[in-house]
Amino acid sequence: MWRTLVEFARARRQRSRVRRQLAAMTERELQDCGMTRAEIAYELKKPAGRR
């Protein structure tokens, strides 16, 4: 049970870190990656099991 809780906390911190990194990117950097802000927002709002 504790292992599951620790893994959940790690995953949550990782997603938070990725969100901050994506938010800091310029429109040009996102374009170079082939992404738009709308696509990022859509992906981040999905439940974890659907990503």
C-alpha atoms as a PDB file:
ATOM      1  CA  MET A   1       0.000   0.000   0.000  1.00  0.00           C
ATOM      2  CA  TRP A   2       2.761   2.463   0.884  1.00  0.00           C
ATOM      3  CA  ARG A   3       4.609   1.668  -2.318  1.00  0.00           C
ATOM      4  CA  THR A   4       1.516   2.571  -4.330  1.00  0.00           C
ATOM      5  CA  LEU A   5       1.176   5.839  -2.458  1.00  0.00           C
ATOM      6  CA  VAL A   6       4.841   6.701  -3.029  1.00  0.00           C
ATOM      7  CA  GLU A   7       4.551   5.893  -6.754  1.00  0.00           C
ATOM      8  CA  PHE A   8       1.446   8.062  -6.985  1.00  0.00           C
ATOM      9  CA  ALA A   9       3.266  10.970  -5.334  1.00  0.00           C
ATOM     10  CA  ARG A  10       6.254  10.571  -7.691  1.00  0.00           C
ATOM     11  CA  ALA A  11       4.020  10.540 -10.750  1.00  0.00           C
ATOM     12  CA  ARG A  12       2.186  13.619  -9.542  1.00  0.00           C
ATOM     13  CA  ARG A  13       5.445  15.515  -8.989  1.00  0.00           C
ATOM     14  CA  GLN A  14       6.663  14.477 -12.442  1.00  0.00           C
ATOM     15  CA  ARG A  15       3.463  15.707 -14.112  1.00  0.00           C
ATOM     16  CA  SER A  16       3.749  18.986 -12.218  1.00  0.00           C
ATOM     17  CA  ARG A  17       7.350  19.400 -13.370  1.00  0.00           C
ATOM     18  CA  VAL A  18       6.361  18.710 -16.994  1.00  0.00           C
ATOM     19  CA  ARG A  19       3.508  21.231 -16.799  1.00  0.00           C
ATOM     20  CA  ARG A  20       5.905  23.919 -15.566  1.00  0.00           C
ATOM     21  CA  GLN A  21       8.360  23.129 -18.344  1.00  0.00           C
ATOM     22  CA  LEU A  22       5.669  23.242 -21.015  1.00  0.00           C
ATOM     23  CA  ALA A  23       4.258  26.490 -19.642  1.00  0.00           C
ATOM     24  CA  ALA A  24       7.715  28.071 -19.836  1.00  0.00           C
ATOM     25  CA  MET A  25       8.180  27.185 -23.512  1.00  0.00           C
ATOM     26  CA  THR A  26       7.709  29.852 -26.168  1.00  0.00           C
ATOM     27  CA  GLU A  27       5.258  29.430 -29.017  1.00  0.00           C
ATOM     28  CA  ARG A  28       8.213  28.834 -31.335  1.00  0.00           C
ATOM     29  CA  GLU A  29       9.586  26.049 -29.130  1.00  0.00           C
ATOM     30  CA  LEU A  30       6.171  24.410 -29.004  1.00  0.00           C
ATOM     31  CA  GLN A  31       5.875  24.702 -32.771  1.00  0.00           C
ATOM     32  CA  ASP A  32       9.277  23.045 -33.167  1.00  0.00           C
ATOM     33  CA  CYS A  33       7.952  20.143 -31.071  1.00  0.00           C
ATOM     34  CA  GLY A  34       4.823  19.997 -33.203  1.00  0.00           C
ATOM     35  CA  MET A  35       2.517  21.029 -30.357  1.00  0.00           C
ATOM     36  CA  THR A  36       0.160  23.874 -29.591  1.00  0.00           C
ATOM     37  CA  ARG A  37      -0.920  25.232 -26.224  1.00  0.00           C
ATOM     38  CA  ALA A  38      -4.424  23.865 -26.858  1.00  0.00           C
ATOM     39  CA  GLU A  39      -3.077  20.337 -27.446  1.00  0.00           C
ATOM     40  CA  ILE A  40      -1.012  20.500 -24.286  1.00  0.00           C
ATOM     41  CA  ALA A  41      -3.996  21.699 -22.239  1.00  0.00           C
ATOM     42  CA  TYR A  42      -6.149  18.897 -23.666  1.00  0.00           C
ATOM     43  CA  GLU A  43      -3.564  16.212 -22.828  1.00  0.00           C
ATOM     44  CA  LEU A  44      -2.977  17.504 -19.317  1.00  0.00           C
ATOM     45  CA  LYS A  45      -6.702  17.479 -18.531  1.00  0.00           C
ATOM     46  CA  LYS A  46      -7.074  13.802 -19.457  1.00  0.00           C
ATOM     47  CA  PRO A  47      -7.284  11.316 -16.599  1.00  0.00           C
ATOM     48  CA  ALA A  48      -3.935   9.617 -15.952  1.00  0.00           C
ATOM     49  CA  GLY A  49      -5.120   6.268 -17.317  1.00  0.00           C
ATOM     50  CA  ARG A  50      -5.957   7.703 -20.735  1.00  0.00           C
ATOM     51  CA  ARG A  51      -2.613   9.311 -21.520  1.00  0.00           C
END
